[in-house]
Amino acid sequence: QSEKGGKHNIPHIHAIYGDNEMVVSLDGNILEGQFPNK
């Protein structure tokens, strides 16, 4: 999503798997949340 004035202030995605959500920067750092390892 557009992040003008947003929480993370760096390029990132939000990923959802079942009840899990992760926020990951475009350089691969996990900013929030977790998924199963696979």
PDB file of all heavy atoms in Angstrom:
ATOM      1  N   GLN A   1       0.829  -1.199   0.000  1.00  0.00           N
ATOM      2  CA  GLN A   1       0.000   0.000   0.000  1.00  0.00           C
ATOM      3  C   GLN A   1       0.863   1.247   0.000  1.00  0.00           C
ATOM      4  O   GLN A   1       2.049   1.185   0.335  1.00  0.00           O
ATOM      5  CB  GLN A   1      -0.928   0.024   1.211  1.00  0.00           C
ATOM      6  CG  GLN A   1      -0.210   0.173   2.538  1.00  0.00           C
ATOM      7  CD  GLN A   1      -1.157   0.074   3.709  1.00  0.00           C
ATOM      8  OE1 GLN A   1      -2.208  -0.550   3.618  1.00  0.00           O
ATOM      9  NE2 GLN A   1      -0.795   0.685   4.806  1.00  0.00           N
ATOM     10  N   SER A   2       0.259   2.348  -0.341  1.00  0.00           N
ATOM     11  CA  SER A   2       0.929   3.638  -0.257  1.00  0.00           C
ATOM     12  C   SER A   2       1.207   3.928   1.204  1.00  0.00           C
ATOM     13  O   SER A   2       0.373   3.680   2.065  1.00  0.00           O
ATOM     14  CB  SER A   2       0.027   4.717  -0.848  1.00  0.00           C
ATOM     15  OG  SER A   2       0.569   5.982  -0.626  1.00  0.00           O
ATOM     16  N   GLU A   3       2.373   4.452   1.511  1.00  0.00           N
ATOM     17  CA  GLU A   3       2.771   4.672   2.902  1.00  0.00           C
ATOM     18  C   GLU A   3       3.056   6.122   3.215  1.00  0.00           C
ATOM     19  O   GLU A   3       3.889   6.406   4.064  1.00  0.00           O
ATOM     20  CB  GLU A   3       4.022   3.848   3.217  1.00  0.00           C
ATOM     21  CG  GLU A   3       3.740   2.405   3.487  1.00  0.00           C
ATOM     22  CD  GLU A   3       3.138   2.151   4.859  1.00  0.00           C
ATOM     23  OE1 GLU A   3       3.602   2.709   5.860  1.00  0.00           O
ATOM     24  OE2 GLU A   3       2.173   1.395   4.913  1.00  0.00           O
ATOM     25  N   LYS A   4       2.437   7.037   2.568  1.00  0.00           N
ATOM     26  CA  LYS A   4       2.690   8.442   2.866  1.00  0.00           C
ATOM     27  C   LYS A   4       2.395   8.711   4.337  1.00  0.00           C
ATOM     28  O   LYS A   4       1.274   8.572   4.787  1.00  0.00           O
ATOM     29  CB  LYS A   4       1.844   9.325   1.962  1.00  0.00           C
ATOM     30  CG  LYS A   4       2.264   9.206   0.522  1.00  0.00           C
ATOM     31  CD  LYS A   4       1.395  10.017  -0.383  1.00  0.00           C
ATOM     32  CE  LYS A   4       1.864   9.785  -1.811  1.00  0.00           C
ATOM     33  NZ  LYS A   4       0.825   9.897  -2.770  1.00  0.00           N
ATOM     34  N   GLY A   5       3.441   9.051   5.071  1.00  0.00           N
ATOM     35  CA  GLY A   5       3.275   9.287   6.502  1.00  0.00           C
ATOM     36  C   GLY A   5       2.960   8.026   7.272  1.00  0.00           C
ATOM     37  O   GLY A   5       2.441   8.079   8.382  1.00  0.00           O
ATOM     38  N   GLY A   6       3.272   6.870   6.705  1.00  0.00           N
ATOM     39  CA  GLY A   6       2.925   5.588   7.309  1.00  0.00           C
ATOM     40  C   GLY A   6       3.838   5.169   8.442  1.00  0.00           C
ATOM     41  O   GLY A   6       4.798   5.841   8.808  1.00  0.00           O
ATOM     42  N   LYS A   7       3.535   4.006   8.973  1.00  0.00           N
ATOM     43  CA  LYS A   7       4.185   3.486  10.166  1.00  0.00           C
ATOM     44  C   LYS A   7       5.638   3.071   9.933  1.00  0.00           C
ATOM     45  O   LYS A   7       6.492   3.301  10.779  1.00  0.00           O
ATOM     46  CB  LYS A   7       3.378   2.282  10.660  1.00  0.00           C
ATOM     47  CG  LYS A   7       3.920   1.591  11.859  1.00  0.00           C
ATOM     48  CD  LYS A   7       2.997   0.460  12.271  1.00  0.00           C
ATOM     49  CE  LYS A   7       3.546  -0.307  13.454  1.00  0.00           C
ATOM     50  NZ  LYS A   7       2.664  -1.395  13.841  1.00  0.00           N
ATOM     51  N   HIS A   8       5.937   2.457   8.780  1.00  0.00           N
ATOM     52  CA  HIS A   8       7.256   1.849   8.605  1.00  0.00           C
ATOM     53  C   HIS A   8       8.264   2.757   7.897  1.00  0.00           C
ATOM     54  O   HIS A   8       9.460   2.614   8.103  1.00  0.00           O
ATOM     55  CB  HIS A   8       7.123   0.523   7.862  1.00  0.00           C
ATOM     56  CG  HIS A   8       6.238  -0.438   8.572  1.00  0.00           C
ATOM     57  ND1 HIS A   8       6.579  -1.002   9.779  1.00  0.00           N
ATOM     58  CD2 HIS A   8       5.010  -0.912   8.271  1.00  0.00           C
ATOM     59  CE1 HIS A   8       5.596  -1.792  10.183  1.00  0.00           C
ATOM     60  NE2 HIS A   8       4.637  -1.751   9.302  1.00  0.00           N
ATOM     61  N   ASN A   9       7.789   3.640   7.052  1.00  0.00           N
ATOM     62  CA  ASN A   9       8.628   4.626   6.375  1.00  0.00           C
ATOM     63  C   ASN A   9       9.756   4.042   5.527  1.00  0.00           C
ATOM     64  O   ASN A   9      10.736   4.723   5.256  1.00  0.00           O
ATOM     65  CB  ASN A   9       9.207   5.636   7.372  1.00  0.00           C
ATOM     66  CG  ASN A   9       8.121   6.460   8.022  1.00  0.00           C
ATOM     67  OD1 ASN A   9       7.194   6.914   7.369  1.00  0.00           O
ATOM     68  ND2 ASN A   9       8.218   6.634   9.318  1.00  0.00           N
ATOM     69  N   ILE A  10       9.673   2.783   5.164  1.00  0.00           N
ATOM     70  CA  ILE A  10      10.617   2.178   4.227  1.00  0.00           C
ATOM     71  C   ILE A  10       9.823   1.284   3.277  1.00  0.00           C
ATOM     72  O   ILE A  10       8.731   0.812   3.633  1.00  0.00           O
ATOM     73  CB  ILE A  10      11.711   1.351   4.938  1.00  0.00           C
ATOM     74  CG1 ILE A  10      11.116   0.229   5.779  1.00  0.00           C
ATOM     75  CG2 ILE A  10      12.624   2.226   5.769  1.00  0.00           C
ATOM     76  CD1 ILE A  10      12.133  -0.731   6.335  1.00  0.00           C
ATOM     77  N   PRO A  11      10.330   1.035   2.092  1.00  0.00           N
ATOM     78  CA  PRO A  11       9.614   0.154   1.160  1.00  0.00           C
ATOM     79  C   PRO A  11       9.430  -1.243   1.769  1.00  0.00           C
ATOM     80  O   PRO A  11      10.394  -1.840   2.271  1.00  0.00           O
ATOM     81  CB  PRO A  11      10.536   0.109  -0.059  1.00  0.00           C
ATOM     82  CG  PRO A  11      11.336   1.364   0.016  1.00  0.00           C
ATOM     83  CD  PRO A  11      11.529   1.611   1.484  1.00  0.00           C
ATOM     84  N   HIS A  12       8.199  -1.741   1.724  1.00  0.00           N
ATOM     85  CA  HIS A  12       7.903  -3.032   2.340  1.00  0.00           C
ATOM     86  C   HIS A  12       6.630  -3.639   1.766  1.00  0.00           C
ATOM     87  O   HIS A  12       5.873  -2.975   1.075  1.00  0.00           O
ATOM     88  CB  HIS A  12       7.772  -2.884   3.858  1.00  0.00           C
ATOM     89  CG  HIS A  12       6.582  -2.073   4.261  1.00  0.00           C
ATOM     90  ND1 HIS A  12       6.600  -0.686   4.259  1.00  0.00           N
ATOM     91  CD2 HIS A  12       5.335  -2.425   4.659  1.00  0.00           C
ATOM     92  CE1 HIS A  12       5.415  -0.241   4.653  1.00  0.00           C
ATOM     93  NE2 HIS A  12       4.622  -1.282   4.902  1.00  0.00           N
ATOM     94  N   ILE A  13       6.410  -4.913   2.103  1.00  0.00           N
ATOM     95  CA  ILE A  13       5.172  -5.612   1.769  1.00  0.00           C
ATOM     96  C   ILE A  13       4.513  -6.100   3.050  1.00  0.00           C
ATOM     97  O   ILE A  13       5.157  -6.200   4.091  1.00  0.00           O
ATOM     98  CB  ILE A  13       5.422  -6.826   0.838  1.00  0.00           C
ATOM     99  CG1 ILE A  13       6.348  -7.841   1.526  1.00  0.00           C
ATOM    100  CG2 ILE A  13       5.951  -6.385  -0.517  1.00  0.00           C
ATOM    101  CD1 ILE A  13       6.319  -9.207   0.912  1.00  0.00           C
ATOM    102  N   HIS A  14       3.242  -6.414   2.919  1.00  0.00           N
ATOM    103  CA  HIS A  14       2.491  -7.102   3.964  1.00  0.00           C
ATOM    104  C   HIS A  14       2.142  -8.461   3.386  1.00  0.00           C
ATOM    105  O   HIS A  14       1.628  -8.540   2.262  1.00  0.00           O
ATOM    106  CB  HIS A  14       1.203  -6.344   4.300  1.00  0.00           C
ATOM    107  CG  HIS A  14       1.447  -5.014   4.919  1.00  0.00           C
ATOM    108  ND1 HIS A  14       1.231  -4.765   6.250  1.00  0.00           N
ATOM    109  CD2 HIS A  14       1.891  -3.849   4.394  1.00  0.00           C
ATOM    110  CE1 HIS A  14       1.533  -3.511   6.515  1.00  0.00           C
ATOM    111  NE2 HIS A  14       1.935  -2.929   5.395  1.00  0.00           N
ATOM    112  N   ALA A  15       2.427  -9.524   4.122  1.00  0.00           N
ATOM    113  CA  ALA A  15       2.115 -10.873   3.658  1.00  0.00           C
ATOM    114  C   ALA A  15       1.228 -11.559   4.688  1.00  0.00           C
ATOM    115  O   ALA A  15       1.432 -11.414   5.892  1.00  0.00           O
ATOM    116  CB  ALA A  15       3.393 -11.667   3.431  1.00  0.00           C
ATOM    117  N   ILE A  16       0.249 -12.299   4.188  1.00  0.00           N
ATOM    118  CA  ILE A  16      -0.704 -12.992   5.055  1.00  0.00           C
ATOM    119  C   ILE A  16      -0.676 -14.470   4.705  1.00  0.00           C
ATOM    120  O   ILE A  16      -0.710 -14.844   3.522  1.00  0.00           O
ATOM    121  CB  ILE A  16      -2.125 -12.436   4.859  1.00  0.00           C
ATOM    122  CG1 ILE A  16      -2.141 -10.946   5.206  1.00  0.00           C
ATOM    123  CG2 ILE A  16      -3.142 -13.208   5.701  1.00  0.00           C
ATOM    124  CD1 ILE A  16      -3.352 -10.215   4.681  1.00  0.00           C
ATOM    125  N   TYR A  17      -0.609 -15.297   5.729  1.00  0.00           N
ATOM    126  CA  TYR A  17      -0.696 -16.749   5.570  1.00  0.00           C
ATOM    127  C   TYR A  17      -1.577 -17.258   6.701  1.00  0.00           C
ATOM    128  O   TYR A  17      -1.173 -17.224   7.869  1.00  0.00           O
ATOM    129  CB  TYR A  17       0.687 -17.401   5.616  1.00  0.00           C
ATOM    130  CG  TYR A  17       0.632 -18.897   5.527  1.00  0.00           C
ATOM    131  CD1 TYR A  17       0.337 -19.525   4.319  1.00  0.00           C
ATOM    132  CD2 TYR A  17       0.830 -19.684   6.650  1.00  0.00           C
ATOM    133  CE1 TYR A  17       0.265 -20.897   4.233  1.00  0.00           C
ATOM    134  CE2 TYR A  17       0.765 -21.067   6.581  1.00  0.00           C
ATOM    135  CZ  TYR A  17       0.474 -21.667   5.370  1.00  0.00           C
ATOM    136  OH  TYR A  17       0.387 -23.041   5.278  1.00  0.00           O
ATOM    137  N   GLY A  18      -2.785 -17.663   6.378  1.00  0.00           N
ATOM    138  CA  GLY A  18      -3.729 -18.089   7.408  1.00  0.00           C
ATOM    139  C   GLY A  18      -3.976 -16.964   8.397  1.00  0.00           C
ATOM    140  O   GLY A  18      -4.333 -15.853   8.012  1.00  0.00           O
ATOM    141  N   ASP A  19      -3.739 -17.220   9.670  1.00  0.00           N
ATOM    142  CA  ASP A  19      -3.910 -16.206  10.714  1.00  0.00           C
ATOM    143  C   ASP A  19      -2.637 -15.411  10.983  1.00  0.00           C
ATOM    144  O   ASP A  19      -2.608 -14.567  11.879  1.00  0.00           O
ATOM    145  CB  ASP A  19      -4.364 -16.866  12.022  1.00  0.00           C
ATOM    146  CG  ASP A  19      -5.777 -17.423  11.938  1.00  0.00           C
ATOM    147  OD1 ASP A  19      -6.565 -16.891  11.129  1.00  0.00           O
ATOM    148  OD2 ASP A  19      -6.080 -18.389  12.665  1.00  0.00           O
ATOM    149  N   ASN A  20      -1.586 -15.711  10.230  1.00  0.00           N
ATOM    150  CA  ASN A  20      -0.293 -15.042  10.435  1.00  0.00           C
ATOM    151  C   ASN A  20      -0.125 -13.889   9.456  1.00  0.00           C
ATOM    152  O   ASN A  20      -0.513 -13.988   8.302  1.00  0.00           O
ATOM    153  CB  ASN A  20       0.858 -16.026  10.220  1.00  0.00           C
ATOM    154  CG  ASN A  20       0.778 -17.210  11.151  1.00  0.00           C
ATOM    155  OD1 ASN A  20       0.830 -17.049  12.356  1.00  0.00           O
ATOM    156  ND2 ASN A  20       0.631 -18.390  10.594  1.00  0.00           N
ATOM    157  N   GLU A  21       0.500 -12.819   9.931  1.00  0.00           N
ATOM    158  CA  GLU A  21       0.831 -11.694   9.056  1.00  0.00           C
ATOM    159  C   GLU A  21       2.260 -11.271   9.332  1.00  0.00           C
ATOM    160  O   GLU A  21       2.718 -11.285  10.471  1.00  0.00           O
ATOM    161  CB  GLU A  21      -0.109 -10.514   9.281  1.00  0.00           C
ATOM    162  CG  GLU A  21       0.165  -9.378   8.323  1.00  0.00           C
ATOM    163  CD  GLU A  21      -0.881  -8.283   8.334  1.00  0.00           C
ATOM    164  OE1 GLU A  21      -1.924  -8.439   8.991  1.00  0.00           O
ATOM    165  OE2 GLU A  21      -0.639  -7.253   7.680  1.00  0.00           O
ATOM    166  N   MET A  22       2.957 -10.934   8.255  1.00  0.00           N
ATOM    167  CA  MET A  22       4.320 -10.426   8.370  1.00  0.00           C
ATOM    168  C   MET A  22       4.437  -9.157   7.553  1.00  0.00           C
ATOM    169  O   MET A  22       3.808  -9.027   6.512  1.00  0.00           O
ATOM    170  CB  MET A  22       5.348 -11.418   7.806  1.00  0.00           C
ATOM    171  CG  MET A  22       5.791 -12.450   8.765  1.00  0.00           C
ATOM    172  SD  MET A  22       7.301 -13.377   8.337  1.00  0.00           S
ATOM    173  CE  MET A  22       7.532 -13.278   6.616  1.00  0.00           C
ATOM    174  N   VAL A  23       5.263  -8.252   8.034  1.00  0.00           N
ATOM    175  CA  VAL A  23       5.641  -7.063   7.280  1.00  0.00           C
ATOM    176  C   VAL A  23       7.134  -7.227   7.009  1.00  0.00           C
ATOM    177  O   VAL A  23       7.920  -7.432   7.947  1.00  0.00           O
ATOM    178  CB  VAL A  23       5.359  -5.767   8.065  1.00  0.00           C
ATOM    179  CG1 VAL A  23       5.789  -4.556   7.263  1.00  0.00           C
ATOM    180  CG2 VAL A  23       3.881  -5.678   8.433  1.00  0.00           C
ATOM    181  N   VAL A  24       7.503  -7.174   5.716  1.00  0.00           N
ATOM    182  CA  VAL A  24       8.889  -7.422   5.329  1.00  0.00           C
ATOM    183  C   VAL A  24       9.366  -6.274   4.449  1.00  0.00           C
ATOM    184  O   VAL A  24       8.703  -5.919   3.466  1.00  0.00           O
ATOM    185  CB  VAL A  24       9.011  -8.760   4.555  1.00  0.00           C
ATOM    186  CG1 VAL A  24      10.464  -9.049   4.215  1.00  0.00           C
ATOM    187  CG2 VAL A  24       8.402  -9.917   5.341  1.00  0.00           C
ATOM    188  N   SER A  25      10.516  -5.698   4.797  1.00  0.00           N
ATOM    189  CA  SER A  25      11.082  -4.648   3.952  1.00  0.00           C
ATOM    190  C   SER A  25      11.519  -5.269   2.629  1.00  0.00           C
ATOM    191  O   SER A  25      11.775  -6.481   2.552  1.00  0.00           O
ATOM    192  CB  SER A  25      12.268  -3.977   4.648  1.00  0.00           C
ATOM    193  OG  SER A  25      13.345  -4.879   4.773  1.00  0.00           O
ATOM    194  N   LEU A  26      11.612  -4.452   1.586  1.00  0.00           N
ATOM    195  CA  LEU A  26      11.976  -4.978   0.280  1.00  0.00           C
ATOM    196  C   LEU A  26      13.407  -5.498   0.243  1.00  0.00           C
ATOM    197  O   LEU A  26      13.770  -6.233  -0.670  1.00  0.00           O
ATOM    198  CB  LEU A  26      11.750  -3.928  -0.818  1.00  0.00           C
ATOM    199  CG  LEU A  26      10.299  -3.490  -1.027  1.00  0.00           C
ATOM    200  CD1 LEU A  26      10.179  -2.666  -2.301  1.00  0.00           C
ATOM    201  CD2 LEU A  26       9.332  -4.654  -1.048  1.00  0.00           C
ATOM    202  N   ASP A  27      14.209  -5.187   1.264  1.00  0.00           N
ATOM    203  CA  ASP A  27      15.549  -5.779   1.328  1.00  0.00           C
ATOM    204  C   ASP A  27      15.568  -7.061   2.158  1.00  0.00           C
ATOM    205  O   ASP A  27      16.628  -7.614   2.448  1.00  0.00           O
ATOM    206  CB  ASP A  27      16.582  -4.772   1.826  1.00  0.00           C
ATOM    207  CG  ASP A  27      16.313  -4.263   3.223  1.00  0.00           C
ATOM    208  OD1 ASP A  27      15.405  -4.769   3.904  1.00  0.00           O
ATOM    209  OD2 ASP A  27      17.020  -3.338   3.652  1.00  0.00           O
ATOM    210  N   GLY A  28      14.379  -7.560   2.551  1.00  0.00           N
ATOM    211  CA  GLY A  28      14.260  -8.872   3.184  1.00  0.00           C
ATOM    212  C   GLY A  28      14.286  -8.902   4.696  1.00  0.00           C
ATOM    213  O   GLY A  28      14.283  -9.978   5.283  1.00  0.00           O
ATOM    214  N   ASN A  29      14.271  -7.763   5.358  1.00  0.00           N
ATOM    215  CA  ASN A  29      14.230  -7.740   6.820  1.00  0.00           C
ATOM    216  C   ASN A  29      12.787  -7.831   7.309  1.00  0.00           C
ATOM    217  O   ASN A  29      11.925  -7.092   6.838  1.00  0.00           O
ATOM    218  CB  ASN A  29      14.862  -6.455   7.366  1.00  0.00           C
ATOM    219  CG  ASN A  29      16.355  -6.415   7.148  1.00  0.00           C
ATOM    220  OD1 ASN A  29      17.046  -7.393   7.396  1.00  0.00           O
ATOM    221  ND2 ASN A  29      16.853  -5.298   6.663  1.00  0.00           N
ATOM    222  N   ILE A  30      12.534  -8.719   8.243  1.00  0.00           N
ATOM    223  CA  ILE A  30      11.202  -8.860   8.825  1.00  0.00           C
ATOM    224  C   ILE A  30      11.005  -7.732   9.831  1.00  0.00           C
ATOM    225  O   ILE A  30      11.763  -7.617  10.797  1.00  0.00           O
ATOM    226  CB  ILE A  30      11.016 -10.237   9.482  1.00  0.00           C
ATOM    227  CG1 ILE A  30      11.153 -11.341   8.419  1.00  0.00           C
ATOM    228  CG2 ILE A  30       9.664 -10.316  10.195  1.00  0.00           C
ATOM    229  CD1 ILE A  30      11.181 -12.747   8.977  1.00  0.00           C
ATOM    230  N   LEU A  31      10.008  -6.895   9.581  1.00  0.00           N
ATOM    231  CA  LEU A  31       9.737  -5.743  10.434  1.00  0.00           C
ATOM    232  C   LEU A  31       8.735  -6.077  11.532  1.00  0.00           C
ATOM    233  O   LEU A  31       8.806  -5.511  12.627  1.00  0.00           O
ATOM    234  CB  LEU A  31       9.217  -4.572   9.594  1.00  0.00           C
ATOM    235  CG  LEU A  31      10.120  -4.126   8.446  1.00  0.00           C
ATOM    236  CD1 LEU A  31       9.422  -3.055   7.616  1.00  0.00           C
ATOM    237  CD2 LEU A  31      11.456  -3.636   8.969  1.00  0.00           C
ATOM    238  N   GLU A  32       7.790  -6.963  11.217  1.00  0.00           N
ATOM    239  CA  GLU A  32       6.746  -7.355  12.179  1.00  0.00           C
ATOM    240  C   GLU A  32       6.244  -8.739  11.828  1.00  0.00           C
ATOM    241  O   GLU A  32       6.203  -9.114  10.662  1.00  0.00           O
ATOM    242  CB  GLU A  32       5.535  -6.419  12.097  1.00  0.00           C
ATOM    243  CG  GLU A  32       5.700  -5.074  12.705  1.00  0.00           C
ATOM    244  CD  GLU A  32       4.408  -4.258  12.611  1.00  0.00           C
ATOM    245  OE1 GLU A  32       3.313  -4.835  12.468  1.00  0.00           O
ATOM    246  OE2 GLU A  32       4.522  -3.031  12.670  1.00  0.00           O
ATOM    247  N   GLY A  33       5.808  -9.461  12.842  1.00  0.00           N
ATOM    248  CA  GLY A  33       5.112 -10.721  12.642  1.00  0.00           C
ATOM    249  C   GLY A  33       6.023 -11.880  12.286  1.00  0.00           C
ATOM    250  O   GLY A  33       7.252 -11.765  12.280  1.00  0.00           O
ATOM    251  N   GLN A  34       5.377 -13.020  11.990  1.00  0.00           N
ATOM    252  CA  GLN A  34       6.122 -14.212  11.612  1.00  0.00           C
ATOM    253  C   GLN A  34       5.216 -15.195  10.889  1.00  0.00           C
ATOM    254  O   GLN A  34       4.000 -15.141  11.023  1.00  0.00           O
ATOM    255  CB  GLN A  34       6.761 -14.877  12.819  1.00  0.00           C
ATOM    256  CG  GLN A  34       5.760 -15.420  13.830  1.00  0.00           C
ATOM    257  CD  GLN A  34       6.464 -16.006  15.035  1.00  0.00           C
ATOM    258  OE1 GLN A  34       7.546 -15.589  15.412  1.00  0.00           O
ATOM    259  NE2 GLN A  34       5.832 -16.981  15.654  1.00  0.00           N
ATOM    260  N   PHE A  35       5.845 -16.051  10.108  1.00  0.00           N
ATOM    261  CA  PHE A  35       5.204 -17.163   9.413  1.00  0.00           C
ATOM    262  C   PHE A  35       5.894 -18.440   9.882  1.00  0.00           C
ATOM    263  O   PHE A  35       7.015 -18.391  10.396  1.00  0.00           O
ATOM    264  CB  PHE A  35       5.448 -17.071   7.896  1.00  0.00           C
ATOM    265  CG  PHE A  35       4.542 -16.161   7.125  1.00  0.00           C
ATOM    266  CD1 PHE A  35       3.534 -15.430   7.720  1.00  0.00           C
ATOM    267  CD2 PHE A  35       4.709 -16.046   5.762  1.00  0.00           C
ATOM    268  CE1 PHE A  35       2.721 -14.604   6.973  1.00  0.00           C
ATOM    269  CE2 PHE A  35       3.896 -15.231   5.001  1.00  0.00           C
ATOM    270  CZ  PHE A  35       2.902 -14.506   5.615  1.00  0.00           C
ATOM    271  N   PRO A  36       5.259 -19.583   9.608  1.00  0.00           N
ATOM    272  CA  PRO A  36       6.017 -20.826   9.770  1.00  0.00           C
ATOM    273  C   PRO A  36       7.270 -20.762   8.876  1.00  0.00           C
ATOM    274  O   PRO A  36       7.287 -20.071   7.854  1.00  0.00           O
ATOM    275  CB  PRO A  36       5.038 -21.906   9.286  1.00  0.00           C
ATOM    276  CG  PRO A  36       3.677 -21.291   9.489  1.00  0.00           C
ATOM    277  CD  PRO A  36       3.872 -19.823   9.215  1.00  0.00           C
ATOM    278  N   ASN A  37       8.312 -21.472   9.251  1.00  0.00           N
ATOM    279  CA  ASN A  37       9.597 -21.421   8.557  1.00  0.00           C
ATOM    280  C   ASN A  37       9.480 -21.675   7.056  1.00  0.00           C
ATOM    281  O   ASN A  37      10.075 -20.951   6.250  1.00  0.00           O
ATOM    282  CB  ASN A  37      10.559 -22.423   9.203  1.00  0.00           C
ATOM    283  CG  ASN A  37      11.982 -22.221   8.760  1.00  0.00           C
ATOM    284  OD1 ASN A  37      12.449 -21.094   8.644  1.00  0.00           O
ATOM    285  ND2 ASN A  37      12.669 -23.314   8.501  1.00  0.00           N
ATOM    286  N   LYS A  38       8.730 -22.693   6.657  1.00  0.00           N
ATOM    287  CA  LYS A  38       8.600 -23.034   5.233  1.00  0.00           C
ATOM    288  C   LYS A  38       8.010 -21.865   4.440  1.00  0.00           C
ATOM    289  O   LYS A  38       8.505 -21.514   3.364  1.00  0.00           O
ATOM    290  CB  LYS A  38       7.727 -24.274   5.067  1.00  0.00           C
ATOM    291  CG  LYS A  38       7.499 -24.677   3.628  1.00  0.00           C
ATOM    292  CD  LYS A  38       6.613 -25.909   3.529  1.00  0.00           C
ATOM    293  CE  LYS A  38       6.333 -26.252   2.086  1.00  0.00           C
ATOM    294  NZ  LYS A  38       5.426 -27.405   1.981  1.00  0.00           N
TER     295      LYS A  38
END
